[in-house]
Amino acid sequence: MTTPFLSLEQMSAVYKTEQDWLFEKLLRKLNANRHLILTADQGWGIQEYVNELGFQLAEKNPDIHTCFIDIKPAHCSTTFLDLFVASLSHRFPEETSRMDIDSSSMDKIKLPSLIAKKKKIRIAVFLANSHLFHRFRDSNPFLRTMRLKLRNQKNCIFCFYGDNHPFYLKLLTWHALIRTHHTCTTAIVEKALNDLVHHFDHHFDNIVESLTSKQLSFLKALLEGNQKLYSNATRSEYQLGSTSNVARITQSLERKEIIDTGRLGTVFTNPIFREWLRRCYFGNL
């Protein structure tokens, strides 16, 4: 008589089989020059997974050369593009030293295809912590432009990966799923995100009502990409008052767990609250 239950050893074997199947499927897609976006819950070990993915991709396909870039140090599109070029120049110094790259435009994104053409190879670029693109002041137009630039590159593969906020991701997936009949499109995801943002209207309204006008002005400055929050220009534009007042605002918002300050600057702790402020609160003022 067979049992419908699996032992721990059997469950482990099944899980490993599914992992191996997914890993091989991702390798095939990358080898077919398909760009990928990979996300995982924090602590899952996506960095190690992608490192192995890149190693196996290059090992099985000698014409593919990999380049790993961590976008965490970048705080805007300009610093990201500088980091992008610097990483590729370090990886392919001989080829990039003879190239004339327009440093003032998005043409920097074309650098992998130029290197690939010159060396007659394929290049796989792995971008770690891609979930941090949302911090950029111009994130939406920048990502749209970057997507167009990537689409037209030949002999290049891009893999974006990073951690996600599992609770919000699951809600977003649910909102997208109930709208999808056959294929989930960008328009469906956008409508799903709008649903998700409005899902928390009452909760976020309560948060805003508990804040002072100075604290809201501080959040608006942060939302609009200002990291020099103590500068005279920022304090004057957003009417934040003295530097000591900015310090008190910062400490208060940190205690409320609305923002987080660290080596890489000041950021919103809740990406959906940040989006709600942009779309629903400051967008309607």
Protein backbone atom coordinates (compact mmCIF):
# COMPACT_ATOMS: atom_id res chain seq x y z
CA MET A 1 0.00 0.00 0.00
CA THR A 2 1.41 3.40 -0.99
CA THR A 3 1.18 6.39 1.31
CA PRO A 4 0.14 9.85 0.07
CA PHE A 5 2.68 11.41 2.42
CA LEU A 6 6.34 12.07 1.61
CA SER A 7 9.21 11.58 4.01
CA LEU A 8 11.62 14.45 4.62
CA GLU A 9 14.18 12.70 2.41
CA GLN A 10 11.63 12.33 -0.41
CA MET A 11 10.54 15.96 -0.07
CA SER A 12 14.15 17.08 -0.24
CA ALA A 13 14.68 15.03 -3.42
CA VAL A 14 11.55 16.47 -5.06
CA TYR A 15 12.55 20.02 -4.13
CA LYS A 16 16.07 19.50 -5.50
CA THR A 17 14.62 18.12 -8.75
CA GLU A 18 12.45 21.23 -9.13
CA GLN A 19 15.42 23.46 -8.34
CA ASP A 20 17.59 21.70 -10.93
CA TRP A 21 14.81 21.93 -13.53
CA LEU A 22 14.42 25.68 -12.96
CA PHE A 23 18.17 26.25 -13.00
CA GLU A 24 18.56 24.47 -16.34
CA LYS A 25 15.56 26.34 -17.78
CA LEU A 26 17.12 29.67 -16.80
CA LEU A 27 20.42 28.63 -18.37
CA ARG A 28 18.65 27.77 -21.63
CA LYS A 29 16.85 31.12 -21.70
CA LEU A 30 20.05 33.06 -21.04
CA ASN A 31 21.87 31.08 -23.73
CA ALA A 32 19.03 32.01 -26.12
CA ASN A 33 19.83 35.70 -25.45
CA ARG A 34 16.72 36.21 -23.32
CA HIS A 35 16.91 38.92 -20.68
CA LEU A 36 15.75 37.86 -17.21
CA ILE A 37 14.46 39.49 -14.04
CA LEU A 38 14.93 37.32 -10.95
CA THR A 39 13.64 38.13 -7.47
CA ALA A 40 13.56 36.21 -4.22
CA ASP A 41 12.60 36.74 -0.60
CA GLN A 42 15.32 38.18 1.61
CA GLY A 43 17.62 35.53 2.98
CA TRP A 44 16.88 33.08 0.17
CA GLY A 45 20.44 33.35 -1.18
CA ILE A 46 19.78 34.79 -4.63
CA GLN A 47 23.32 36.19 -4.89
CA GLU A 48 24.87 32.73 -4.58
CA TYR A 49 22.26 31.31 -6.96
CA VAL A 50 23.01 33.90 -9.66
CA ASN A 51 26.77 33.55 -9.16
CA GLU A 52 26.42 29.86 -9.93
CA LEU A 53 24.10 30.63 -12.84
CA GLY A 54 26.71 32.94 -14.36
CA PHE A 55 29.51 30.45 -13.77
CA GLN A 56 27.61 27.58 -15.40
CA LEU A 57 26.52 29.80 -18.31
CA ALA A 58 30.12 30.73 -19.14
CA GLU A 59 31.38 27.19 -18.45
CA LYS A 60 28.92 25.59 -20.89
CA ASN A 61 29.17 28.36 -23.52
CA PRO A 62 32.78 29.47 -24.13
CA ASP A 63 31.62 32.38 -26.31
CA ILE A 64 29.81 33.98 -23.34
CA HIS A 65 31.77 36.29 -21.04
CA THR A 66 30.13 37.49 -17.82
CA CYS A 67 30.23 40.78 -15.95
CA PHE A 68 28.66 41.25 -12.49
CA ILE A 69 27.62 44.75 -11.41
CA ASP A 70 26.12 45.70 -8.04
CA ILE A 71 23.98 48.84 -8.41
CA LYS A 72 23.80 49.48 -4.64
CA PRO A 73 26.39 52.32 -4.67
CA ALA A 74 24.39 54.21 -7.34
CA HIS A 75 21.90 56.79 -6.10
CA CYS A 76 20.71 58.20 -9.46
CA SER A 77 20.77 57.35 -13.17
CA THR A 78 24.01 59.31 -13.73
CA THR A 79 25.99 57.49 -11.05
CA PHE A 80 24.54 54.16 -12.24
CA LEU A 81 25.73 54.79 -15.81
CA ASP A 82 29.19 55.76 -14.51
CA LEU A 83 29.26 52.56 -12.43
CA PHE A 84 28.06 50.55 -15.44
CA VAL A 85 30.89 51.84 -17.66
CA ALA A 86 33.52 51.50 -14.92
CA SER A 87 32.59 47.85 -14.27
CA LEU A 88 32.69 46.94 -17.96
CA SER A 89 35.96 48.84 -18.42
CA HIS A 90 37.49 46.91 -15.53
CA ARG A 91 36.25 43.61 -17.01
CA PHE A 92 37.28 44.41 -20.60
CA PRO A 93 40.08 47.01 -20.27
CA GLU A 94 41.72 46.44 -23.65
CA GLU A 95 38.52 46.89 -25.67
CA THR A 96 37.07 49.84 -23.73
CA SER A 97 40.35 51.82 -23.70
CA ARG A 98 40.02 52.42 -27.44
CA MET A 99 36.33 53.31 -27.44
CA ASP A 100 34.89 56.80 -27.63
CA ILE A 101 31.83 56.67 -25.37
CA ASP A 102 29.44 59.59 -25.02
CA SER A 103 29.44 59.96 -21.23
CA SER A 104 26.52 62.38 -21.26
CA SER A 105 23.86 60.09 -22.70
CA MET A 106 22.14 56.74 -22.33
CA ASP A 107 24.43 55.42 -25.09
CA LYS A 108 26.59 54.07 -22.27
CA ILE A 109 24.08 51.22 -22.09
CA LYS A 110 25.23 50.14 -25.57
CA LEU A 111 28.76 49.46 -24.33
CA PRO A 112 28.29 45.66 -23.91
CA SER A 113 27.18 45.26 -27.54
CA LEU A 114 30.15 47.31 -28.75
CA ILE A 115 32.54 45.13 -26.75
CA ALA A 116 30.82 41.94 -27.94
CA LYS A 117 31.10 43.04 -31.57
CA LYS A 118 34.79 43.90 -31.25
CA LYS A 119 35.74 40.68 -29.44
CA LYS A 120 33.28 38.54 -31.44
CA ILE A 121 31.77 37.14 -28.26
CA ARG A 122 28.55 37.34 -26.27
CA ILE A 123 28.38 39.25 -23.00
CA ALA A 124 26.09 38.44 -20.06
CA VAL A 125 25.65 41.33 -17.65
CA PHE A 126 24.27 40.47 -14.19
CA LEU A 127 22.90 43.48 -12.29
CA ALA A 128 22.64 42.85 -8.54
CA ASN A 129 20.21 44.71 -6.23
CA SER A 130 18.11 45.83 -9.19
CA HIS A 131 15.19 46.40 -6.82
CA LEU A 132 17.01 49.59 -5.76
CA PHE A 133 16.35 51.31 -9.07
CA HIS A 134 13.17 52.66 -7.46
CA ARG A 135 15.33 55.02 -5.36
CA PHE A 136 16.29 57.05 -8.42
CA ARG A 137 14.49 60.36 -8.82
CA ASP A 138 13.90 59.65 -12.52
CA SER A 139 13.42 55.89 -12.11
CA ASN A 140 10.35 55.44 -14.35
CA PRO A 141 11.58 57.31 -17.46
CA PHE A 142 15.09 55.97 -16.94
CA LEU A 143 13.94 52.34 -16.81
CA ARG A 144 11.71 52.82 -19.86
CA THR A 145 14.63 54.23 -21.84
CA MET A 146 16.98 51.53 -20.62
CA ARG A 147 14.52 48.82 -21.66
CA LEU A 148 14.43 50.24 -25.19
CA LYS A 149 18.22 50.42 -25.33
CA LEU A 150 18.60 46.82 -24.12
CA ARG A 151 16.04 45.49 -26.57
CA ASN A 152 18.13 46.53 -29.57
CA GLN A 153 21.48 45.19 -28.40
CA LYS A 154 22.95 42.20 -30.17
CA ASN A 155 24.98 39.41 -28.58
CA CYS A 156 24.17 40.71 -25.10
CA ILE A 157 22.25 39.17 -22.22
CA PHE A 158 21.03 41.08 -19.18
CA CYS A 159 19.93 39.52 -15.90
CA PHE A 160 18.42 41.83 -13.26
CA TYR A 161 18.16 40.33 -9.80
CA GLY A 162 17.64 41.26 -6.17
CA ASP A 163 15.61 40.85 -3.01
CA ASN A 164 11.99 41.89 -2.82
CA HIS A 165 9.42 42.80 -0.21
CA PRO A 166 7.63 39.40 -0.11
CA PHE A 167 4.36 40.71 1.35
CA TYR A 168 3.86 43.41 -1.26
CA LEU A 169 5.13 41.20 -4.07
CA LYS A 170 2.53 38.55 -3.26
CA LEU A 171 -0.24 41.15 -3.18
CA LEU A 172 0.94 42.61 -6.49
CA THR A 173 1.04 39.13 -8.01
CA TRP A 174 -2.51 38.48 -6.81
CA HIS A 175 -3.84 41.74 -8.27
CA ALA A 176 -2.13 40.94 -11.58
CA LEU A 177 -3.36 37.33 -11.58
CA ILE A 178 -7.04 38.20 -11.20
CA ARG A 179 -6.75 40.56 -14.19
CA THR A 180 -4.92 38.09 -16.44
CA HIS A 181 -6.72 35.74 -18.83
CA HIS A 182 -3.88 34.51 -21.04
CA THR A 183 -0.80 36.77 -20.95
CA CYS A 184 0.23 39.19 -18.24
CA THR A 185 1.17 42.47 -19.95
CA THR A 186 2.91 45.61 -18.72
CA ALA A 187 -0.47 47.38 -18.73
CA ILE A 188 -1.92 44.70 -16.44
CA VAL A 189 0.98 45.03 -14.00
CA GLU A 190 0.55 48.80 -13.96
CA LYS A 191 -3.18 48.45 -13.15
CA ALA A 192 -2.33 45.84 -10.52
CA LEU A 193 0.18 48.22 -8.92
CA ASN A 194 -2.44 50.96 -8.90
CA ASP A 195 -4.86 48.57 -7.16
CA LEU A 196 -2.19 47.67 -4.62
CA VAL A 197 -1.39 51.30 -3.87
CA HIS A 198 -5.07 52.17 -3.31
CA HIS A 199 -5.54 49.05 -1.21
CA PHE A 200 -3.71 50.92 1.59
CA ASP A 201 -5.45 54.29 1.16
CA HIS A 202 -6.97 54.33 4.65
CA HIS A 203 -3.76 53.18 6.37
CA PHE A 204 -1.55 55.67 4.53
CA ASP A 205 -4.07 58.49 5.10
CA ASN A 206 -3.75 57.86 8.84
CA ILE A 207 0.04 58.03 8.61
CA VAL A 208 -0.05 61.33 6.72
CA GLU A 209 -2.52 62.83 9.20
CA SER A 210 -0.08 62.07 12.02
CA LEU A 211 2.74 64.02 10.36
CA THR A 212 3.53 67.72 10.56
CA SER A 213 3.75 69.97 7.51
CA LYS A 214 7.54 70.08 7.89
CA GLN A 215 7.77 66.29 7.98
CA LEU A 216 5.61 66.06 4.84
CA SER A 217 7.79 68.65 3.11
CA PHE A 218 10.84 66.58 4.06
CA LEU A 219 9.24 63.45 2.53
CA LYS A 220 8.40 65.39 -0.63
CA ALA A 221 12.02 66.50 -0.93
CA LEU A 222 13.18 62.90 -0.48
CA LEU A 223 10.57 61.63 -2.96
CA GLU A 224 11.83 64.07 -5.58
CA GLY A 225 15.35 62.71 -5.31
CA ASN A 226 16.98 65.20 -2.97
CA GLN A 227 19.69 63.59 -0.85
CA LYS A 228 21.34 66.87 0.24
CA LEU A 229 18.57 67.49 2.73
CA TYR A 230 20.69 69.77 4.94
CA SER A 231 21.77 72.07 2.10
CA ASN A 232 20.61 75.69 2.00
CA ALA A 233 18.97 75.16 -1.39
CA THR A 234 16.89 72.16 -0.26
CA ARG A 235 15.92 73.69 3.08
CA SER A 236 14.86 76.88 1.33
CA GLU A 237 12.92 75.19 -1.50
CA TYR A 238 10.97 72.89 0.82
CA GLN A 239 10.80 75.28 3.79
CA LEU A 240 12.43 72.84 6.18
CA GLY A 241 13.90 75.41 8.51
CA SER A 242 17.31 75.18 10.16
CA THR A 243 19.74 72.25 9.96
CA SER A 244 18.89 71.32 13.55
CA ASN A 245 15.22 71.19 12.55
CA VAL A 246 16.05 68.87 9.64
CA ALA A 247 17.92 66.65 12.12
CA ARG A 248 14.84 66.52 14.38
CA ILE A 249 12.58 65.71 11.41
CA THR A 250 14.94 62.93 10.34
CA GLN A 251 15.07 61.40 13.82
CA SER A 252 11.28 61.59 14.18
CA LEU A 253 10.62 59.89 10.83
CA GLU A 254 13.17 57.22 11.67
CA ARG A 255 11.43 56.50 14.98
CA LYS A 256 8.16 56.17 13.08
CA GLU A 257 10.00 53.73 10.72
CA ILE A 258 9.02 55.80 7.69
CA ILE A 259 12.60 56.40 6.55
CA ASP A 260 15.95 54.76 7.07
CA THR A 261 19.31 56.53 7.00
CA GLY A 262 22.58 54.83 6.28
CA ARG A 263 25.82 54.92 4.32
CA LEU A 264 23.94 55.06 1.01
CA GLY A 265 21.68 57.94 2.03
CA THR A 266 18.10 58.37 3.22
CA VAL A 267 15.43 56.04 1.80
CA PHE A 268 11.78 55.15 2.40
CA THR A 269 11.38 51.91 4.35
CA ASN A 270 8.09 51.13 2.61
CA PRO A 271 8.20 51.24 -1.24
CA ILE A 272 4.40 51.19 -1.52
CA PHE A 273 3.99 54.15 0.83
CA ARG A 274 6.56 55.98 -1.27
CA GLU A 275 4.56 55.20 -4.42
CA TRP A 276 1.28 56.19 -2.72
CA LEU A 277 2.76 59.56 -1.80
CA ARG A 278 3.89 60.11 -5.36
CA ARG A 279 0.64 59.03 -7.03
CA CYS A 280 -2.08 59.88 -4.55
CA TYR A 281 -0.90 62.51 -2.11
CA PHE A 282 1.64 64.88 -3.64
CA GLY A 283 0.29 64.13 -7.11
CA ASN A 284 -3.09 65.59 -6.11
CA LEU A 285 -1.80 68.71 -4.34
